[in-house]
Amino acid sequence: LPVLKVKEGFGRAPQLPVVGEPDEIEARLLDDAWGVQEKIDGRNIMIDVVAGKVAVGNKKGLTNLVSLTILDAAAPLGDAQIDAEDVAGVCFAFDAVALGGENLRERPYVERHEMLGQKIKRLGKSAGVRFVPLVTGRTAKEAFVAELRAGKVKAVDGFRRDPPDIGVSALLKIHDR
């Protein structure tokens, strides 16, 4: 593994990078307490769907302009608030803040992520929303680390599977220097 920047934080608190040694980073990635995702490098968007109407903004609440493709893809999600990345007009969803009108903020990240995956799977491939998988389990994470070593994965977001406080995500961000 290359020497990478590691950011750790909780919730939406600022995450200050520190340089981590490859062995330390690999140990964190393989730790059972963490689930990891490839960080899709796009523009972060928050998709709000209410009564079939879609609004897209950022975490500060400011409206973002996005392609009609993303707007059309998000409408079938039903009442939802989805955290995603916009990459050239393609929506990569990685977290559900609300689904079916239910606020999910108090639930652990792993549970919210699983609910989002089930929702997207029910919509089918034609939905146009891509689901960013959460990698857990030693064997799957070892394969993920091998892809990181080979340069196939450029950045990683890690999430505590059992955050210290429900509703607060413990984050681990790893990026090339």
N, C-alpha and C. Protein backbone atom coordinates (compact mmCIF):
# COMPACT_ATOMS: atom_id res chain seq x y z
N LEU A 1 0.84 -1.19 0.00
CA LEU A 1 0.00 0.00 0.00
C LEU A 1 0.88 1.24 0.00
N PRO A 2 0.47 2.27 -0.73
CA PRO A 2 1.21 3.52 -0.67
C PRO A 2 0.94 4.20 0.67
N VAL A 3 1.79 5.15 1.03
CA VAL A 3 1.51 5.96 2.22
C VAL A 3 0.33 6.84 1.84
N LEU A 4 -0.70 6.81 2.66
CA LEU A 4 -1.93 7.50 2.33
C LEU A 4 -2.31 8.48 3.42
N LYS A 5 -3.18 9.41 3.07
CA LYS A 5 -3.74 10.30 4.07
C LYS A 5 -4.91 9.60 4.73
N VAL A 6 -4.97 9.65 6.03
CA VAL A 6 -6.07 9.06 6.77
C VAL A 6 -6.80 10.17 7.49
N LYS A 7 -8.12 10.18 7.36
CA LYS A 7 -8.94 11.15 8.09
C LYS A 7 -9.89 10.36 8.96
N GLU A 8 -9.96 10.70 10.22
CA GLU A 8 -10.93 10.06 11.10
C GLU A 8 -11.78 11.14 11.72
N GLY A 9 -13.06 10.86 11.87
CA GLY A 9 -13.94 11.82 12.50
C GLY A 9 -15.25 11.17 12.84
N PHE A 10 -16.11 11.93 13.45
CA PHE A 10 -17.42 11.44 13.82
C PHE A 10 -18.45 12.41 13.29
N GLY A 11 -19.52 11.86 12.69
CA GLY A 11 -20.59 12.71 12.18
C GLY A 11 -20.08 13.64 11.11
N ARG A 12 -20.49 14.87 11.17
CA ARG A 12 -20.10 15.86 10.17
C ARG A 12 -18.96 16.76 10.66
N ALA A 13 -18.27 16.33 11.73
CA ALA A 13 -17.15 17.12 12.25
C ALA A 13 -16.03 17.16 11.22
N PRO A 14 -15.22 18.25 11.23
CA PRO A 14 -14.09 18.31 10.30
C PRO A 14 -13.17 17.12 10.49
N GLN A 15 -12.65 16.62 9.39
CA GLN A 15 -11.76 15.47 9.43
C GLN A 15 -10.38 15.94 9.00
N LEU A 16 -9.44 15.93 9.92
CA LEU A 16 -8.11 16.41 9.62
C LEU A 16 -7.24 15.25 9.19
N PRO A 17 -6.56 15.40 8.03
CA PRO A 17 -5.74 14.29 7.54
C PRO A 17 -4.47 14.10 8.35
N VAL A 18 -4.10 12.86 8.53
CA VAL A 18 -2.81 12.52 9.10
C VAL A 18 -2.20 11.47 8.18
N VAL A 19 -0.89 11.43 8.12
CA VAL A 19 -0.25 10.45 7.26
C VAL A 19 -0.20 9.13 8.00
N GLY A 20 -0.63 8.08 7.33
CA GLY A 20 -0.62 6.74 7.94
C GLY A 20 0.35 5.85 7.19
N GLU A 21 0.99 4.98 7.93
CA GLU A 21 1.89 4.01 7.32
C GLU A 21 1.06 2.87 6.72
N PRO A 22 1.55 2.24 5.66
CA PRO A 22 0.80 1.18 4.98
C PRO A 22 0.31 0.07 5.90
N ASP A 23 1.15 -0.40 6.83
CA ASP A 23 0.73 -1.50 7.72
C ASP A 23 -0.43 -1.06 8.62
N GLU A 24 -0.35 0.17 9.12
CA GLU A 24 -1.40 0.70 9.99
C GLU A 24 -2.72 0.82 9.22
N ILE A 25 -2.64 1.32 8.00
CA ILE A 25 -3.84 1.50 7.18
C ILE A 25 -4.46 0.15 6.85
N GLU A 26 -3.64 -0.82 6.47
CA GLU A 26 -4.16 -2.14 6.14
C GLU A 26 -4.85 -2.76 7.36
N ALA A 27 -4.26 -2.59 8.54
CA ALA A 27 -4.87 -3.14 9.76
C ALA A 27 -6.24 -2.51 10.00
N ARG A 28 -6.36 -1.21 9.77
CA ARG A 28 -7.66 -0.54 9.96
C ARG A 28 -8.68 -1.05 8.95
N LEU A 29 -8.25 -1.21 7.71
CA LEU A 29 -9.18 -1.67 6.68
C LEU A 29 -9.69 -3.07 6.96
N LEU A 30 -8.84 -3.93 7.51
CA LEU A 30 -9.21 -5.32 7.75
C LEU A 30 -9.90 -5.53 9.10
N ASP A 31 -9.91 -4.52 9.94
CA ASP A 31 -10.55 -4.60 11.27
C ASP A 31 -12.04 -4.89 11.11
N ASP A 32 -12.54 -5.88 11.83
CA ASP A 32 -13.95 -6.26 11.75
C ASP A 32 -14.90 -5.15 12.17
N ALA A 33 -14.41 -4.18 12.94
CA ALA A 33 -15.27 -3.09 13.40
C ALA A 33 -15.64 -2.13 12.27
N TRP A 34 -14.92 -2.22 11.15
CA TRP A 34 -15.11 -1.28 10.06
C TRP A 34 -15.66 -1.96 8.81
N GLY A 35 -16.55 -1.27 8.11
CA GLY A 35 -16.95 -1.63 6.76
C GLY A 35 -16.31 -0.60 5.85
N VAL A 36 -15.95 -0.97 4.63
CA VAL A 36 -15.28 -0.02 3.74
C VAL A 36 -16.00 0.04 2.39
N GLN A 37 -15.91 1.21 1.76
CA GLN A 37 -16.48 1.44 0.44
C GLN A 37 -15.45 2.15 -0.42
N GLU A 38 -15.48 1.85 -1.71
CA GLU A 38 -14.69 2.66 -2.62
C GLU A 38 -15.29 4.05 -2.63
N LYS A 39 -14.45 5.06 -2.49
CA LYS A 39 -14.92 6.44 -2.54
C LYS A 39 -15.09 6.81 -4.00
N ILE A 40 -16.32 7.02 -4.41
CA ILE A 40 -16.60 7.44 -5.77
C ILE A 40 -16.32 8.94 -5.83
N ASP A 41 -15.42 9.34 -6.69
CA ASP A 41 -14.97 10.73 -6.71
C ASP A 41 -15.81 11.54 -7.67
N GLY A 42 -16.83 12.16 -7.14
CA GLY A 42 -17.71 13.01 -7.93
C GLY A 42 -18.09 14.21 -7.10
N ARG A 43 -19.25 14.73 -7.37
CA ARG A 43 -19.77 15.87 -6.61
C ARG A 43 -20.81 15.33 -5.65
N ASN A 44 -20.59 15.55 -4.34
CA ASN A 44 -21.52 15.04 -3.35
C ASN A 44 -22.86 15.77 -3.48
N ILE A 45 -23.94 14.98 -3.50
CA ILE A 45 -25.28 15.54 -3.60
C ILE A 45 -26.20 14.87 -2.58
N MET A 46 -27.18 15.61 -2.12
CA MET A 46 -28.22 15.08 -1.25
C MET A 46 -29.51 15.14 -2.06
N ILE A 47 -30.10 13.97 -2.30
CA ILE A 47 -31.31 13.88 -3.12
C ILE A 47 -32.51 13.78 -2.19
N ASP A 48 -33.45 14.69 -2.34
CA ASP A 48 -34.69 14.66 -1.57
C ASP A 48 -35.83 14.36 -2.52
N VAL A 49 -36.58 13.30 -2.22
CA VAL A 49 -37.75 12.94 -3.02
C VAL A 49 -38.96 12.99 -2.08
N VAL A 50 -39.92 13.84 -2.43
CA VAL A 50 -41.15 13.97 -1.65
C VAL A 50 -42.32 14.00 -2.62
N ALA A 51 -43.23 13.05 -2.46
CA ALA A 51 -44.43 12.96 -3.30
C ALA A 51 -44.07 13.00 -4.79
N GLY A 52 -42.99 12.27 -5.15
CA GLY A 52 -42.60 12.17 -6.55
C GLY A 52 -41.82 13.35 -7.09
N LYS A 53 -41.64 14.40 -6.28
CA LYS A 53 -40.87 15.57 -6.72
C LYS A 53 -39.45 15.46 -6.16
N VAL A 54 -38.48 15.72 -7.03
CA VAL A 54 -37.08 15.54 -6.68
C VAL A 54 -36.38 16.89 -6.58
N ALA A 55 -35.66 17.08 -5.48
CA ALA A 55 -34.81 18.25 -5.31
C ALA A 55 -33.42 17.73 -4.97
N VAL A 56 -32.41 18.40 -5.49
CA VAL A 56 -31.03 17.98 -5.25
C VAL A 56 -30.26 19.16 -4.69
N GLY A 57 -29.60 18.93 -3.58
CA GLY A 57 -28.80 19.98 -2.96
C GLY A 57 -27.51 19.41 -2.43
N ASN A 58 -26.84 20.22 -1.63
CA ASN A 58 -25.62 19.73 -0.97
C ASN A 58 -25.88 19.68 0.53
N LYS A 59 -24.87 19.32 1.29
CA LYS A 59 -25.06 19.16 2.74
C LYS A 59 -25.30 20.48 3.45
N LYS A 60 -25.03 21.58 2.78
CA LYS A 60 -25.31 22.89 3.36
C LYS A 60 -26.72 23.35 3.03
N GLY A 61 -27.44 22.54 2.25
CA GLY A 61 -28.81 22.90 1.91
C GLY A 61 -28.93 23.74 0.66
N LEU A 62 -27.83 23.99 -0.03
CA LEU A 62 -27.87 24.79 -1.25
C LEU A 62 -28.27 23.91 -2.42
N THR A 63 -29.07 24.45 -3.33
CA THR A 63 -29.54 23.69 -4.48
C THR A 63 -28.40 23.45 -5.46
N ASN A 64 -28.33 22.23 -5.99
CA ASN A 64 -27.35 21.86 -7.01
C ASN A 64 -28.07 21.60 -8.32
N LEU A 65 -27.47 21.99 -9.40
CA LEU A 65 -27.99 21.62 -10.71
C LEU A 65 -27.42 20.25 -11.07
N VAL A 66 -28.29 19.36 -11.50
CA VAL A 66 -27.85 18.03 -11.92
C VAL A 66 -28.54 17.68 -13.22
N SER A 67 -28.09 16.61 -13.83
CA SER A 67 -28.67 16.20 -15.10
C SER A 67 -30.09 15.68 -14.90
N LEU A 68 -30.87 15.74 -15.97
CA LEU A 68 -32.23 15.18 -15.93
C LEU A 68 -32.18 13.69 -15.67
N THR A 69 -31.10 13.05 -16.08
CA THR A 69 -30.94 11.61 -15.85
C THR A 69 -31.03 11.30 -14.36
N ILE A 70 -30.34 12.08 -13.54
CA ILE A 70 -30.36 11.85 -12.09
C ILE A 70 -31.75 12.15 -11.54
N LEU A 71 -32.37 13.22 -11.99
CA LEU A 71 -33.71 13.55 -11.51
C LEU A 71 -34.70 12.43 -11.83
N ASP A 72 -34.64 11.94 -13.06
CA ASP A 72 -35.52 10.84 -13.48
C ASP A 72 -35.22 9.56 -12.70
N ALA A 73 -33.93 9.31 -12.45
CA ALA A 73 -33.54 8.09 -11.75
C ALA A 73 -33.99 8.11 -10.28
N ALA A 74 -34.01 9.28 -9.67
CA ALA A 74 -34.33 9.38 -8.24
C ALA A 74 -35.83 9.32 -7.95
N ALA A 75 -36.66 9.75 -8.88
CA ALA A 75 -38.11 9.81 -8.63
C ALA A 75 -38.70 8.49 -8.15
N PRO A 76 -38.32 7.33 -8.73
CA PRO A 76 -38.91 6.06 -8.28
C PRO A 76 -38.52 5.64 -6.86
N LEU A 77 -37.58 6.34 -6.23
CA LEU A 77 -37.16 5.97 -4.88
C LEU A 77 -38.27 6.21 -3.86
N GLY A 78 -39.30 6.95 -4.24
CA GLY A 78 -40.36 7.28 -3.28
C GLY A 78 -39.84 8.32 -2.30
N ASP A 79 -40.60 8.58 -1.25
CA ASP A 79 -40.16 9.58 -0.28
C ASP A 79 -38.83 9.11 0.32
N ALA A 80 -37.79 9.90 0.08
CA ALA A 80 -36.45 9.48 0.51
C ALA A 80 -35.52 10.67 0.57
N GLN A 81 -34.46 10.52 1.34
CA GLN A 81 -33.34 11.46 1.32
C GLN A 81 -32.09 10.59 1.21
N ILE A 82 -31.38 10.75 0.10
CA ILE A 82 -30.26 9.88 -0.25
C ILE A 82 -28.98 10.70 -0.39
N ASP A 83 -27.91 10.22 0.22
CA ASP A 83 -26.59 10.82 0.08
C ASP A 83 -25.91 10.08 -1.07
N ALA A 84 -25.40 10.83 -2.04
CA ALA A 84 -24.87 10.22 -3.26
C ALA A 84 -23.76 11.06 -3.85
N GLU A 85 -23.16 10.52 -4.89
CA GLU A 85 -22.17 11.25 -5.69
C GLU A 85 -22.69 11.34 -7.12
N ASP A 86 -22.56 12.52 -7.69
CA ASP A 86 -22.90 12.75 -9.10
C ASP A 86 -21.59 12.68 -9.88
N VAL A 87 -21.48 11.67 -10.72
CA VAL A 87 -20.29 11.52 -11.56
C VAL A 87 -20.75 11.59 -13.01
N ALA A 88 -20.53 12.73 -13.61
CA ALA A 88 -20.89 12.94 -15.02
C ALA A 88 -22.33 12.52 -15.32
N GLY A 89 -23.25 12.92 -14.44
CA GLY A 89 -24.66 12.64 -14.68
C GLY A 89 -25.14 11.27 -14.25
N VAL A 90 -24.27 10.51 -13.57
CA VAL A 90 -24.65 9.20 -13.05
C VAL A 90 -24.69 9.30 -11.53
N CYS A 91 -25.75 8.76 -10.94
CA CYS A 91 -25.94 8.83 -9.49
C CYS A 91 -25.40 7.57 -8.82
N PHE A 92 -24.44 7.74 -7.91
CA PHE A 92 -23.90 6.64 -7.11
C PHE A 92 -24.36 6.85 -5.67
N ALA A 93 -25.35 6.08 -5.22
CA ALA A 93 -25.93 6.23 -3.89
C ALA A 93 -25.18 5.38 -2.88
N PHE A 94 -24.87 5.99 -1.71
CA PHE A 94 -24.14 5.25 -0.70
C PHE A 94 -24.75 5.32 0.69
N ASP A 95 -25.75 6.17 0.91
CA ASP A 95 -26.37 6.25 2.24
C ASP A 95 -27.81 6.72 2.12
N ALA A 96 -28.67 6.21 2.99
CA ALA A 96 -30.06 6.65 3.06
C ALA A 96 -30.26 7.37 4.38
N VAL A 97 -30.58 8.65 4.30
CA VAL A 97 -30.85 9.44 5.49
C VAL A 97 -32.31 9.26 5.89
N ALA A 98 -33.17 9.04 4.89
CA ALA A 98 -34.59 8.77 5.13
C ALA A 98 -35.11 7.90 4.00
N LEU A 99 -36.03 7.00 4.33
CA LEU A 99 -36.70 6.16 3.33
C LEU A 99 -38.16 5.98 3.75
N GLY A 100 -39.06 6.07 2.77
CA GLY A 100 -40.47 5.87 3.06
C GLY A 100 -41.01 6.85 4.09
N GLY A 101 -40.41 8.03 4.14
CA GLY A 101 -40.84 9.03 5.11
C GLY A 101 -40.26 8.83 6.50
N GLU A 102 -39.48 7.76 6.71
CA GLU A 102 -38.88 7.50 8.03
C GLU A 102 -37.47 8.08 8.09
N ASN A 103 -37.21 8.88 9.12
CA ASN A 103 -35.89 9.43 9.36
C ASN A 103 -34.99 8.30 9.88
N LEU A 104 -33.89 8.04 9.17
CA LEU A 104 -33.00 6.94 9.53
C LEU A 104 -31.72 7.41 10.24
N ARG A 105 -31.63 8.70 10.54
CA ARG A 105 -30.38 9.24 11.09
C ARG A 105 -29.94 8.55 12.39
N GLU A 106 -30.88 8.07 13.16
CA GLU A 106 -30.53 7.44 14.44
C GLU A 106 -30.09 5.99 14.29
N ARG A 107 -30.20 5.44 13.10
CA ARG A 107 -29.81 4.04 12.88
C ARG A 107 -28.34 3.96 12.48
N PRO A 108 -27.69 2.86 12.81
CA PRO A 108 -26.29 2.69 12.40
C PRO A 108 -26.15 2.71 10.87
N TYR A 109 -24.99 3.16 10.41
CA TYR A 109 -24.74 3.28 8.98
C TYR A 109 -24.98 1.97 8.25
N VAL A 110 -24.52 0.86 8.79
CA VAL A 110 -24.65 -0.44 8.12
C VAL A 110 -26.12 -0.76 7.86
N GLU A 111 -26.97 -0.47 8.82
CA GLU A 111 -28.40 -0.74 8.68
C GLU A 111 -29.02 0.16 7.60
N ARG A 112 -28.68 1.44 7.62
CA ARG A 112 -29.20 2.37 6.60
C ARG A 112 -28.75 1.95 5.21
N HIS A 113 -27.49 1.56 5.10
CA HIS A 113 -26.92 1.16 3.83
C HIS A 113 -27.64 -0.08 3.29
N GLU A 114 -27.91 -1.04 4.16
CA GLU A 114 -28.62 -2.26 3.75
C GLU A 114 -30.03 -1.93 3.26
N MET A 115 -30.72 -1.03 3.95
CA MET A 115 -32.07 -0.63 3.55
C MET A 115 -32.04 0.04 2.17
N LEU A 116 -31.03 0.88 1.95
CA LEU A 116 -30.90 1.55 0.65
C LEU A 116 -30.65 0.52 -0.45
N GLY A 117 -29.78 -0.44 -0.18
CA GLY A 117 -29.49 -1.48 -1.17
C GLY A 117 -30.72 -2.27 -1.54
N GLN A 118 -31.53 -2.61 -0.55
CA GLN A 118 -32.77 -3.35 -0.81
C GLN A 118 -33.73 -2.52 -1.66
N LYS A 119 -33.82 -1.24 -1.36
CA LYS A 119 -34.71 -0.34 -2.12
C LYS A 119 -34.27 -0.26 -3.58
N ILE A 120 -32.98 -0.05 -3.81
CA ILE A 120 -32.47 0.07 -5.17
C ILE A 120 -32.62 -1.25 -5.92
N LYS A 121 -32.38 -2.36 -5.23
CA LYS A 121 -32.53 -3.68 -5.86
C LYS A 121 -33.97 -3.91 -6.31
N ARG A 122 -34.95 -3.51 -5.48
CA ARG A 122 -36.36 -3.67 -5.85
C ARG A 122 -36.72 -2.84 -7.08
N LEU A 123 -36.04 -1.71 -7.25
CA LEU A 123 -36.32 -0.85 -8.42
C LEU A 123 -35.79 -1.46 -9.70
N GLY A 124 -34.77 -2.29 -9.59
CA GLY A 124 -34.20 -2.93 -10.78
C GLY A 124 -33.14 -2.09 -11.44
N LYS A 125 -32.48 -2.68 -12.41
CA LYS A 125 -31.37 -2.02 -13.10
C LYS A 125 -31.80 -0.80 -13.89
N SER A 126 -33.05 -0.76 -14.28
CA SER A 126 -33.52 0.38 -15.08
C SER A 126 -33.65 1.65 -14.27
N ALA A 127 -33.52 1.55 -12.93
CA ALA A 127 -33.72 2.72 -12.08
C ALA A 127 -32.69 3.82 -12.34
N GLY A 128 -31.50 3.46 -12.79
CA GLY A 128 -30.50 4.49 -13.10
C GLY A 128 -29.75 5.00 -11.89
N VAL A 129 -29.99 4.42 -10.72
CA VAL A 129 -29.24 4.78 -9.53
C VAL A 129 -28.31 3.61 -9.24
N ARG A 130 -27.03 3.89 -9.16
CA ARG A 130 -26.06 2.83 -8.87
C ARG A 130 -25.79 2.80 -7.37
N PHE A 131 -25.69 1.61 -6.84
CA PHE A 131 -25.50 1.39 -5.41
C PHE A 131 -24.03 1.13 -5.14
N VAL A 132 -23.45 1.87 -4.20
CA VAL A 132 -22.05 1.69 -3.84
C VAL A 132 -21.99 0.64 -2.72
N PRO A 133 -21.42 -0.55 -2.99
CA PRO A 133 -21.43 -1.61 -1.99
C PRO A 133 -20.54 -1.29 -0.78
N LEU A 134 -20.95 -1.83 0.35
CA LEU A 134 -20.18 -1.76 1.58
C LEU A 134 -19.49 -3.11 1.74
N VAL A 135 -18.18 -3.09 1.86
CA VAL A 135 -17.42 -4.34 1.94
C VAL A 135 -17.19 -4.68 3.42
N THR A 136 -17.64 -5.88 3.79
CA THR A 136 -17.44 -6.37 5.15
C THR A 136 -16.95 -7.82 5.04
N GLY A 137 -16.46 -8.35 6.12
CA GLY A 137 -15.97 -9.73 6.12
C GLY A 137 -14.51 -9.79 5.68
N ARG A 138 -13.75 -10.60 6.34
CA ARG A 138 -12.30 -10.66 6.13
C ARG A 138 -11.91 -10.96 4.68
N THR A 139 -12.51 -11.97 4.07
CA THR A 139 -12.12 -12.36 2.71
C THR A 139 -12.41 -11.25 1.71
N ALA A 140 -13.59 -10.66 1.80
CA ALA A 140 -13.96 -9.58 0.87
C ALA A 140 -13.06 -8.36 1.08
N LYS A 141 -12.75 -8.08 2.33
CA LYS A 141 -11.90 -6.92 2.62
C LYS A 141 -10.45 -7.16 2.17
N GLU A 142 -9.96 -8.40 2.27
CA GLU A 142 -8.62 -8.70 1.77
C GLU A 142 -8.56 -8.49 0.26
N ALA A 143 -9.60 -8.88 -0.46
CA ALA A 143 -9.66 -8.65 -1.91
C ALA A 143 -9.70 -7.15 -2.20
N PHE A 144 -10.44 -6.40 -1.40
CA PHE A 144 -10.54 -4.95 -1.56
C PHE A 144 -9.17 -4.29 -1.35
N VAL A 145 -8.45 -4.73 -0.30
CA VAL A 145 -7.11 -4.19 -0.03
C VAL A 145 -6.17 -4.52 -1.19
N ALA A 146 -6.30 -5.70 -1.78
CA ALA A 146 -5.47 -6.07 -2.94
C ALA A 146 -5.74 -5.11 -4.10
N GLU A 147 -7.01 -4.74 -4.31
CA GLU A 147 -7.35 -3.77 -5.37
C GLU A 147 -6.77 -2.40 -5.05
N LEU A 148 -6.78 -2.02 -3.77
CA LEU A 148 -6.18 -0.75 -3.36
C LEU A 148 -4.68 -0.77 -3.63
N ARG A 149 -4.03 -1.86 -3.26
CA ARG A 149 -2.58 -2.01 -3.52
C ARG A 149 -2.27 -1.91 -5.01
N ALA A 150 -3.13 -2.50 -5.83
CA ALA A 150 -2.90 -2.54 -7.28
C ALA A 150 -3.28 -1.21 -7.95
N GLY A 151 -3.80 -0.28 -7.18
CA GLY A 151 -4.17 1.02 -7.75
C GLY A 151 -5.53 1.03 -8.42
N LYS A 152 -6.31 -0.05 -8.30
CA LYS A 152 -7.63 -0.10 -8.92
C LYS A 152 -8.65 0.70 -8.10
N VAL A 153 -8.36 0.89 -6.83
CA VAL A 153 -9.19 1.70 -5.95
C VAL A 153 -8.32 2.86 -5.50
N LYS A 154 -8.79 4.09 -5.71
CA LYS A 154 -7.98 5.27 -5.42
C LYS A 154 -8.28 5.88 -4.05
N ALA A 155 -9.49 5.68 -3.57
CA ALA A 155 -9.87 6.28 -2.30
C ALA A 155 -10.89 5.38 -1.61
N VAL A 156 -10.91 5.45 -0.29
CA VAL A 156 -11.75 4.57 0.52
C VAL A 156 -12.46 5.39 1.58
N ASP A 157 -13.72 5.08 1.81
CA ASP A 157 -14.44 5.57 2.98
C ASP A 157 -14.72 4.38 3.86
N GLY A 158 -14.44 4.50 5.14
CA GLY A 158 -14.72 3.43 6.08
C GLY A 158 -15.76 3.90 7.08
N PHE A 159 -16.60 2.97 7.52
CA PHE A 159 -17.66 3.30 8.46
C PHE A 159 -17.66 2.28 9.58
N ARG A 160 -17.69 2.76 10.82
CA ARG A 160 -17.79 1.86 11.96
C ARG A 160 -19.08 1.07 11.85
N ARG A 161 -18.98 -0.23 12.04
CA ARG A 161 -20.17 -1.06 11.99
C ARG A 161 -20.98 -0.90 13.27
N ASP A 162 -20.33 -0.50 14.33
CA ASP A 162 -21.00 -0.30 15.62
C ASP A 162 -20.52 1.04 16.21
N PRO A 163 -21.05 2.16 15.66
CA PRO A 163 -20.55 3.46 16.11
C PRO A 163 -20.75 3.63 17.62
N PRO A 164 -19.86 4.41 18.25
CA PRO A 164 -19.93 4.58 19.70
C PRO A 164 -21.27 5.18 20.16
N ASP A 165 -21.84 6.05 19.36
CA ASP A 165 -23.15 6.62 19.66
C ASP A 165 -24.05 6.39 18.46
N ILE A 166 -25.22 5.78 18.70
CA ILE A 166 -26.15 5.55 17.60
C ILE A 166 -26.45 6.90 16.94
N GLY A 167 -26.49 6.90 15.62
CA GLY A 167 -26.78 8.12 14.88
C GLY A 167 -25.54 8.93 14.54
N VAL A 168 -24.39 8.51 15.06
CA VAL A 168 -23.14 9.21 14.75
C VAL A 168 -22.25 8.22 14.02
N SER A 169 -21.92 8.54 12.78
CA SER A 169 -21.06 7.65 12.00
C SER A 169 -19.61 7.93 12.31
N ALA A 170 -18.85 6.91 12.60
CA ALA A 170 -17.41 7.05 12.71
C ALA A 170 -16.86 6.85 11.31
N LEU A 171 -16.10 7.80 10.84
CA LEU A 171 -15.62 7.80 9.46
C LEU A 171 -14.12 7.58 9.40
N LEU A 172 -13.69 6.90 8.37
CA LEU A 172 -12.28 6.71 8.08
C LEU A 172 -12.16 6.98 6.59
N LYS A 173 -11.39 7.99 6.20
CA LYS A 173 -11.22 8.32 4.80
C LYS A 173 -9.76 8.12 4.43
N ILE A 174 -9.53 7.38 3.36
CA ILE A 174 -8.17 7.10 2.93
C ILE A 174 -8.06 7.51 1.47
N HIS A 175 -7.10 8.37 1.18
CA HIS A 175 -6.91 8.88 -0.19
C HIS A 175 -5.42 8.86 -0.51
N ASP A 176 -5.09 8.72 -1.80
CA ASP A 176 -3.70 8.89 -2.23
C ASP A 176 -3.26 10.29 -1.86
N ARG A 177 -1.97 10.45 -1.65
CA ARG A 177 -1.45 11.79 -1.35
C ARG A 177 -1.67 12.71 -2.51
